[in-house]
Amino acid sequence: MPRLAQAQHIDHPIPYFAFSKGLTIAAPDSGFSLNLRFRMQNRIGILTDSWDLTSLGEAEYEAYVRRLRLRMDGFILNSRFNYVVQLSFSRSDMDWENTLFPNVIRDAMVFYRPNKKIQFGLGQGKLPGNRQRIVSSGDMQMPDRSLFNSVFQIDRDFGLNVYYNHKIFRTPFSVRACISGGNGRNIEKTNALAYSTRLEWYPLGAFSNGGDYFEGDLEREIQPKISIATAFSYNSSANRSGGSIGKELFEFRDIRSLFVDALFKYRGWSLAAEYAFRNTLRGTSPVTFSVFDTSQKSPSLVYQGSGYNLDASYVFVNQNTVVFRYSHLEPESIIRNYQKPTTYLGLGLGRYLKGHRLKWQGELGQTITSTGTNSQKNSWIWRFQIEAGI
């Protein structure tokens, strides 16, 4: 045998590699698998009160990496034991402003699936809240989530999750419940506890290829598909304005959030509607003040009130897309000295070059904030973003 062939001889079997969705590495004995993916969102934008030259000179401009993430998932031992890890590396994706430290870990979950209907998960991940939040930021049809989502989302937390899937009269439904620490990502100790649950029902059958968890009808559903869902979260003794996310409160509050949403897709058309209501426990004010703020002009508060969001879109056969967004926030009177009714109108254009893995997205939107009787403040935003990943 030639010496070169002898040098290349390997006694141990080589791991299996696949490149369909990310890079997958599997052990020859099927004892583990590892799937690696990354994605980035590079964005430019303008925020201005007007499009005249004077206002543009005073406008805020953005040019930055909105998200840069590395995701790893797979199984260990056998397909019943799964894991997922997701790390973020851009400052805007670390919740730096609220936590004052780099929050690199986004997801770190281990799962056990004893059968096809039920699964248990322990670790840090998304809570079962509103639809737009549980859809990945990489699967959105506009550069970012809505104004509605920024106020009412319950985001991520560390906890014990239970997932259950079944059918009622041959129509699928799913339930997810979670008991979590209550104060959000990467918190070591907590005085809070949070209880969250979400129920989804698919009266016309399941969406194609998980189409209920990515925005836009890229699958161009041949038959109409509908998802109807509701979610509820109760966060006791929360010390952040959104429970598991947001600025720190000066006093603990019990926070209740209710969500209702629906999704429709058919032949390129997509319509998603969401409603939320949030308040604090009866008898407590959602507004908290620092003991050093004698003027009581700089509170930290829970957004008590309601809101809704509507996204309507169409994906053309050539993979171009157009999106319309309408969001509205309606604070209750107890916080109106600090939060005003706000409406957002947005128009988005984009093109999918390889589904949601490679696309460009543009958005032009107007935010209308009520400042008093028959008066309002308007601002405009324009964004352009390229998403690339595997």
Protein backbone atom coordinates (compact mmCIF):
# COMPACT_ATOMS: atom_id res chain seq x y z
CA MET A 1 0.00 0.00 0.00
CA PRO A 2 1.44 3.45 -0.87
CA ARG A 3 2.61 5.54 2.07
CA LEU A 4 0.12 8.34 1.26
CA ALA A 5 -2.79 5.92 1.48
CA GLN A 6 -1.49 4.62 4.78
CA ALA A 7 -1.25 8.16 6.17
CA GLN A 8 -4.87 8.87 5.19
CA HIS A 9 -6.27 5.65 6.68
CA ILE A 10 -8.71 6.34 9.53
CA ASP A 11 -9.78 3.66 11.96
CA HIS A 12 -12.73 5.61 13.38
CA PRO A 13 -15.88 6.37 11.36
CA ILE A 14 -16.28 9.96 10.14
CA PRO A 15 -19.22 12.09 11.41
CA TYR A 16 -22.05 12.70 8.96
CA PHE A 17 -22.35 16.22 7.50
CA ALA A 18 -25.43 17.77 5.86
CA PHE A 19 -26.01 21.26 4.46
CA SER A 20 -29.77 21.53 3.85
CA LYS A 21 -30.66 23.95 6.67
CA GLY A 22 -27.47 25.25 8.20
CA LEU A 23 -24.58 22.85 8.81
CA THR A 24 -25.56 19.58 10.50
CA ILE A 25 -23.04 17.23 12.08
CA ALA A 26 -24.22 13.81 13.29
CA ALA A 27 -22.28 11.07 15.06
CA PRO A 28 -21.93 7.78 13.14
CA ASP A 29 -23.63 5.90 15.98
CA SER A 30 -26.54 8.41 16.04
CA GLY A 31 -25.55 9.40 19.58
CA PHE A 32 -25.77 13.14 18.95
CA SER A 33 -26.38 15.78 16.29
CA LEU A 34 -25.38 19.43 16.05
CA ASN A 35 -26.94 21.95 13.67
CA LEU A 36 -25.15 25.29 13.27
CA ARG A 37 -26.77 28.42 11.87
CA PHE A 38 -26.05 32.12 11.86
CA ARG A 39 -27.91 35.21 10.70
CA MET A 40 -27.41 38.94 10.62
CA GLN A 41 -29.59 41.98 10.00
CA ASN A 42 -27.79 45.05 8.65
CA ARG A 43 -29.91 48.19 8.80
CA ILE A 44 -29.94 51.85 7.83
CA GLY A 45 -32.73 54.29 8.67
CA ILE A 46 -33.98 57.81 9.32
CA LEU A 47 -36.28 59.05 12.10
CA THR A 48 -37.63 62.55 11.53
CA ASP A 49 -40.55 64.85 12.39
CA SER A 50 -40.81 65.99 8.78
CA TRP A 51 -39.26 65.35 5.39
CA ASP A 52 -38.35 69.01 4.75
CA LEU A 53 -34.64 69.86 4.55
CA THR A 54 -34.55 71.62 7.94
CA SER A 55 -35.99 68.64 9.79
CA LEU A 56 -33.78 66.20 7.92
CA GLY A 57 -30.78 68.10 9.21
CA GLU A 58 -31.98 67.43 12.76
CA ALA A 59 -33.14 63.87 12.12
CA GLU A 60 -31.82 60.78 13.86
CA TYR A 61 -30.00 58.35 11.61
CA GLU A 62 -29.30 54.70 12.24
CA ALA A 63 -26.69 52.52 10.56
CA TYR A 64 -25.81 49.39 12.49
CA VAL A 65 -26.00 45.62 12.84
CA ARG A 66 -29.47 45.17 14.33
CA ARG A 67 -28.99 41.46 15.05
CA LEU A 68 -26.11 39.02 14.77
CA ARG A 69 -26.88 35.57 16.12
CA LEU A 70 -25.45 32.08 16.30
CA ARG A 71 -27.84 29.17 16.82
CA MET A 72 -27.01 25.57 17.73
CA ASP A 73 -29.54 22.79 18.15
CA GLY A 74 -29.78 19.02 17.90
CA PHE A 75 -30.18 15.94 20.06
CA ILE A 76 -28.07 14.06 22.58
CA LEU A 77 -28.28 10.29 23.20
CA ASN A 78 -31.37 9.91 21.00
CA SER A 79 -34.08 11.97 19.33
CA ARG A 80 -36.09 12.23 22.57
CA PHE A 81 -33.47 14.48 24.20
CA ASN A 82 -33.07 17.78 22.32
CA TYR A 83 -31.38 21.09 22.99
CA VAL A 84 -31.21 24.58 21.54
CA VAL A 85 -28.68 27.36 22.20
CA GLN A 86 -28.88 30.85 20.69
CA LEU A 87 -26.34 33.64 21.29
CA SER A 88 -26.54 37.31 20.31
CA PHE A 89 -23.54 39.52 19.58
CA SER A 90 -24.81 42.97 18.54
CA ARG A 91 -25.34 45.59 21.25
CA SER A 92 -28.89 46.37 20.13
CA ASP A 93 -29.77 42.69 20.61
CA MET A 94 -28.47 42.35 24.18
CA ASP A 95 -31.02 44.45 26.13
CA TRP A 96 -28.00 46.51 27.20
CA GLU A 97 -29.94 49.69 28.02
CA ASN A 98 -32.21 47.95 30.54
CA THR A 99 -29.83 45.46 32.15
CA LEU A 100 -26.55 47.44 31.88
CA PHE A 101 -24.59 44.32 30.97
CA PRO A 102 -24.15 42.32 27.73
CA ASN A 103 -26.96 39.74 27.60
CA VAL A 104 -25.32 37.29 25.19
CA ILE A 105 -27.44 34.22 26.02
CA ARG A 106 -30.86 34.34 24.39
CA ASP A 107 -31.87 30.68 24.44
CA ALA A 108 -30.47 27.74 26.39
CA MET A 109 -33.05 24.95 26.59
CA VAL A 110 -33.04 21.18 26.98
CA PHE A 111 -36.10 19.17 25.92
CA TYR A 112 -37.48 15.72 26.57
CA ARG A 113 -40.16 14.31 24.26
CA PRO A 114 -41.60 11.01 25.58
CA ASN A 115 -44.02 10.79 22.63
CA LYS A 116 -45.27 12.82 19.66
CA LYS A 117 -47.94 14.64 21.67
CA ILE A 118 -46.04 16.03 24.64
CA GLN A 119 -42.68 17.65 25.29
CA PHE A 120 -41.00 19.12 28.38
CA GLY A 121 -38.39 21.87 28.32
CA LEU A 122 -36.16 23.36 31.01
CA GLY A 123 -34.04 26.46 30.53
CA GLN A 124 -34.17 29.95 29.10
CA GLY A 125 -36.33 30.68 26.08
CA LYS A 126 -39.35 32.53 24.75
CA LEU A 127 -42.45 32.59 26.91
CA PRO A 128 -45.84 31.64 25.40
CA GLY A 129 -47.08 35.16 24.73
CA ASN A 130 -48.34 37.09 21.70
CA ARG A 131 -47.88 35.64 18.20
CA GLN A 132 -45.58 38.30 16.80
CA ARG A 133 -43.13 37.78 19.66
CA ILE A 134 -42.90 34.02 19.38
CA VAL A 135 -42.28 34.26 15.62
CA SER A 136 -38.51 34.49 15.10
CA SER A 137 -37.09 37.93 14.31
CA GLY A 138 -35.52 36.26 11.27
CA ASP A 139 -38.96 35.33 9.89
CA MET A 140 -40.55 38.78 9.90
CA GLN A 141 -41.90 40.50 6.80
CA MET A 142 -40.88 44.02 7.93
CA PRO A 143 -37.52 45.14 9.36
CA ASP A 144 -38.79 44.92 12.93
CA ARG A 145 -41.73 43.97 15.06
CA SER A 146 -44.58 46.38 15.73
CA LEU A 147 -45.02 49.21 18.22
CA PHE A 148 -47.71 47.02 19.80
CA ASN A 149 -45.21 44.23 20.38
CA SER A 150 -42.61 46.56 21.90
CA VAL A 151 -45.09 47.46 24.67
CA PHE A 152 -46.92 44.19 25.38
CA GLN A 153 -44.40 41.40 24.71
CA ILE A 154 -43.35 39.16 27.61
CA ASP A 155 -40.15 38.01 25.85
CA ARG A 156 -37.85 35.38 27.43
CA ASP A 157 -37.38 33.85 30.87
CA PHE A 158 -35.91 30.80 32.59
CA GLY A 159 -38.46 28.18 33.48
CA LEU A 160 -40.11 24.81 33.08
CA ASN A 161 -42.18 24.43 29.90
CA VAL A 162 -44.78 21.87 28.83
CA TYR A 163 -45.91 21.53 25.20
CA TYR A 164 -48.92 19.44 24.20
CA ASN A 165 -50.34 18.81 20.70
CA HIS A 166 -53.53 16.93 19.87
CA LYS A 167 -56.68 17.09 17.74
CA ILE A 168 -60.30 18.02 18.45
CA PHE A 169 -62.70 16.58 15.86
CA ARG A 170 -59.71 16.10 13.52
CA THR A 171 -58.57 19.72 13.84
CA PRO A 172 -55.17 20.33 15.47
CA PHE A 173 -54.65 22.35 18.61
CA SER A 174 -51.63 22.98 20.81
CA VAL A 175 -51.12 24.09 24.40
CA ARG A 176 -47.98 25.47 25.97
CA ALA A 177 -47.58 26.34 29.65
CA CYS A 178 -44.60 27.70 31.56
CA ILE A 179 -43.63 28.46 35.16
CA SER A 180 -40.66 30.82 35.11
CA GLY A 181 -38.49 33.04 37.29
CA GLY A 182 -40.36 36.19 36.26
CA ASN A 183 -37.49 38.66 35.81
CA GLY A 184 -36.23 37.72 32.36
CA ARG A 185 -32.97 36.68 30.75
CA ASN A 186 -29.85 35.72 32.69
CA ILE A 187 -31.11 36.61 36.17
CA GLU A 188 -29.51 34.51 38.92
CA LYS A 189 -31.92 35.22 41.79
CA THR A 190 -35.50 36.44 41.81
CA ASN A 191 -38.35 37.29 44.16
CA ALA A 192 -40.86 36.87 41.35
CA LEU A 193 -42.65 33.95 39.72
CA ALA A 194 -44.45 34.03 36.40
CA TYR A 195 -47.16 31.75 35.00
CA SER A 196 -47.76 31.83 31.24
CA THR A 197 -49.89 29.76 28.92
CA ARG A 198 -50.92 29.81 25.26
CA LEU A 199 -53.62 27.86 23.41
CA GLU A 200 -53.76 27.63 19.60
CA TRP A 201 -56.44 26.06 17.42
CA TYR A 202 -56.32 25.35 13.67
CA PRO A 203 -59.93 24.89 12.51
CA LEU A 204 -58.97 24.34 8.83
CA GLY A 205 -55.96 22.14 9.51
CA ALA A 206 -52.25 22.72 10.02
CA PHE A 207 -50.32 25.27 7.96
CA SER A 208 -47.84 24.04 5.35
CA ASN A 209 -44.25 23.69 6.60
CA GLY A 210 -44.96 25.51 9.86
CA GLY A 211 -46.38 28.55 8.07
CA ASP A 212 -48.10 29.78 11.23
CA TYR A 213 -44.66 30.61 12.64
CA PHE A 214 -43.24 32.75 9.86
CA GLU A 215 -44.72 35.95 8.46
CA GLY A 216 -45.99 36.24 4.89
CA ASP A 217 -47.54 33.41 2.89
CA LEU A 218 -44.36 32.17 1.24
CA GLU A 219 -45.91 28.71 0.91
CA ARG A 220 -48.87 30.17 -1.03
CA GLU A 221 -51.37 27.97 0.81
CA ILE A 222 -53.59 26.12 -1.67
CA GLN A 223 -56.41 25.88 0.87
CA PRO A 224 -57.32 28.65 3.35
CA LYS A 225 -55.59 28.18 6.71
CA ILE A 226 -56.52 29.83 10.02
CA SER A 227 -54.96 29.88 13.47
CA ILE A 228 -56.84 31.28 16.48
CA ALA A 229 -54.97 31.69 19.76
CA THR A 230 -55.14 33.18 23.22
CA ALA A 231 -52.43 33.58 25.85
CA PHE A 232 -52.29 34.73 29.46
CA SER A 233 -49.41 35.72 31.72
CA TYR A 234 -49.39 36.46 35.44
CA ASN A 235 -46.13 37.80 36.87
CA SER A 236 -46.09 38.12 40.68
CA SER A 237 -43.73 40.56 42.40
CA ALA A 238 -42.20 41.69 39.11
CA ASN A 239 -39.46 44.29 39.27
CA ARG A 240 -39.43 45.15 35.54
CA SER A 241 -42.00 47.21 33.63
CA GLY A 242 -42.93 44.34 31.31
CA GLY A 243 -42.50 41.57 33.86
CA SER A 244 -39.65 39.67 32.21
CA ILE A 245 -38.48 42.65 30.13
CA GLY A 246 -38.23 46.42 30.36
CA LYS A 247 -36.88 48.97 32.79
CA GLU A 248 -36.60 48.25 36.50
CA LEU A 249 -39.51 49.36 38.65
CA PHE A 250 -38.94 51.18 41.94
CA GLU A 251 -41.44 48.86 43.65
CA PHE A 252 -42.60 45.31 42.97
CA ARG A 253 -45.85 44.87 41.04
CA ASP A 254 -48.08 41.96 40.09
CA ILE A 255 -48.65 42.16 36.31
CA ARG A 256 -51.40 40.47 34.30
CA SER A 257 -51.33 40.29 30.50
CA LEU A 258 -54.01 38.87 28.19
CA PHE A 259 -53.46 38.20 24.47
CA VAL A 260 -55.79 37.19 21.64
CA ASP A 261 -54.62 36.73 18.05
CA ALA A 262 -55.62 35.24 14.72
CA LEU A 263 -53.78 34.41 11.49
CA PHE A 264 -55.15 33.76 8.00
CA LYS A 265 -53.18 32.66 4.90
CA TYR A 266 -54.31 31.78 1.39
CA ARG A 267 -52.64 31.91 -2.03
CA GLY A 268 -50.05 34.54 -1.07
CA TRP A 269 -52.37 36.61 1.12
CA SER A 270 -51.72 36.87 4.83
CA LEU A 271 -53.67 38.66 7.56
CA ALA A 272 -52.50 38.70 11.20
CA ALA A 273 -54.42 40.45 13.99
CA GLU A 274 -53.47 40.77 17.67
CA TYR A 275 -55.05 42.31 20.77
CA ALA A 276 -53.57 42.69 24.26
CA PHE A 277 -54.62 44.05 27.63
CA ARG A 278 -52.35 44.57 30.64
CA ASN A 279 -52.85 45.80 34.19
CA THR A 280 -51.49 45.50 37.69
CA LEU A 281 -53.21 43.85 40.63
CA ARG A 282 -56.29 45.76 41.77
CA GLY A 283 -55.49 48.30 44.46
CA THR A 284 -51.91 48.98 43.31
CA SER A 285 -50.82 51.76 40.99
CA PRO A 286 -48.90 50.83 37.85
CA VAL A 287 -46.72 53.92 38.40
CA THR A 288 -43.67 53.69 40.71
CA PHE A 289 -41.29 56.44 41.81
CA SER A 290 -37.79 56.52 43.21
CA VAL A 291 -37.52 57.70 46.82
CA PHE A 292 -35.01 60.27 45.52
CA ASP A 293 -37.44 61.67 42.93
CA THR A 294 -39.23 64.22 45.13
CA SER A 295 -40.75 65.91 42.07
CA GLN A 296 -42.26 62.59 40.92
CA LYS A 297 -41.59 63.47 37.29
CA SER A 298 -39.45 60.46 36.35
CA PRO A 299 -41.46 57.32 37.15
CA SER A 300 -40.96 53.76 36.06
CA LEU A 301 -44.32 52.23 35.21
CA VAL A 302 -46.23 49.24 33.94
CA TYR A 303 -48.13 50.03 30.73
CA GLN A 304 -51.71 49.61 31.93
CA GLY A 305 -54.10 49.60 29.03
CA SER A 306 -54.81 47.88 25.73
CA GLY A 307 -53.51 47.75 22.19
CA TYR A 308 -53.89 45.99 18.88
CA ASN A 309 -51.92 45.35 15.71
CA LEU A 310 -52.94 44.40 12.18
CA ASP A 311 -50.55 43.18 9.47
CA ALA A 312 -51.84 42.51 5.95
CA SER A 313 -49.52 41.32 3.20
CA TYR A 314 -49.28 39.71 -0.20
CA VAL A 315 -46.39 37.67 -1.61
CA PHE A 316 -46.24 37.76 -5.41
CA VAL A 317 -45.24 34.74 -7.47
CA ASN A 318 -41.85 36.41 -8.15
CA GLN A 319 -41.27 36.58 -4.34
CA ASN A 320 -41.73 40.34 -4.05
CA THR A 321 -43.96 41.34 -1.15
CA VAL A 322 -45.97 44.30 0.06
CA VAL A 323 -47.09 44.76 3.69
CA PHE A 324 -49.44 47.16 5.47
CA ARG A 325 -49.28 47.59 9.26
CA TYR A 326 -51.64 49.36 11.65
CA SER A 327 -50.90 49.51 15.40
CA HIS A 328 -52.65 51.35 18.20
CA LEU A 329 -51.88 51.77 21.90
CA GLU A 330 -54.55 52.96 24.34
CA PRO A 331 -53.26 53.63 27.86
CA GLU A 332 -55.71 53.84 30.75
CA SER A 333 -56.29 57.21 32.42
CA ILE A 334 -54.08 56.35 35.42
CA ILE A 335 -50.90 56.53 33.26
CA ARG A 336 -51.93 59.16 30.69
CA ASN A 337 -49.74 61.81 32.28
CA TYR A 338 -46.79 59.72 31.06
CA GLN A 339 -48.13 57.64 28.14
CA LYS A 340 -50.39 58.98 25.39
CA PRO A 341 -52.58 57.16 22.85
CA THR A 342 -50.37 56.31 19.90
CA THR A 343 -51.04 55.02 16.39
CA TYR A 344 -48.60 53.67 13.83
CA LEU A 345 -49.22 53.34 10.09
CA GLY A 346 -46.60 51.55 8.02
CA LEU A 347 -45.99 50.34 4.48
CA GLY A 348 -43.38 47.71 3.75
CA LEU A 349 -41.82 46.43 0.54
CA GLY A 350 -39.43 43.53 0.22
CA ARG A 351 -38.06 40.67 -1.81
CA TYR A 352 -37.29 37.12 -0.74
CA LEU A 353 -34.16 35.88 -2.51
CA LYS A 354 -34.00 32.62 -0.56
CA GLY A 355 -37.04 32.68 1.68
CA HIS A 356 -36.42 34.39 5.00
CA ARG A 357 -32.72 33.40 4.94
CA LEU A 358 -31.76 36.01 2.32
CA LYS A 359 -34.01 38.99 1.76
CA TRP A 360 -34.18 42.76 1.67
CA GLN A 361 -36.89 44.75 3.43
CA GLY A 362 -37.93 48.39 3.36
CA GLU A 363 -40.39 50.24 5.60
CA LEU A 364 -41.93 53.71 5.62
CA GLY A 365 -44.05 54.53 8.65
CA GLN A 366 -45.72 57.33 10.55
CA THR A 367 -46.24 57.45 14.33
CA ILE A 368 -49.10 59.66 15.55
CA THR A 369 -49.10 60.51 19.25
CA SER A 370 -52.02 62.34 20.89
CA THR A 371 -50.75 65.27 22.94
CA GLY A 372 -54.08 66.66 24.10
CA THR A 373 -57.49 67.70 22.88
CA ASN A 374 -57.42 67.91 19.08
CA SER A 375 -53.61 67.99 19.02
CA GLN A 376 -51.04 65.43 18.04
CA LYS A 377 -47.36 64.90 17.31
CA ASN A 378 -46.25 63.12 14.16
CA SER A 379 -42.96 61.43 13.36
CA TRP A 380 -41.75 59.47 10.36
CA ILE A 381 -39.40 56.53 10.06
CA TRP A 382 -37.74 54.96 7.04
CA ARG A 383 -35.72 51.74 7.25
CA PHE A 384 -33.90 49.48 4.86
CA GLN A 385 -32.52 46.14 5.94
CA ILE A 386 -30.77 43.12 4.47
CA GLU A 387 -31.01 39.80 6.27
CA ALA A 388 -28.56 37.02 5.45
CA GLY A 389 -28.07 33.69 7.14
CA ILE A 390 -28.14 29.92 6.86
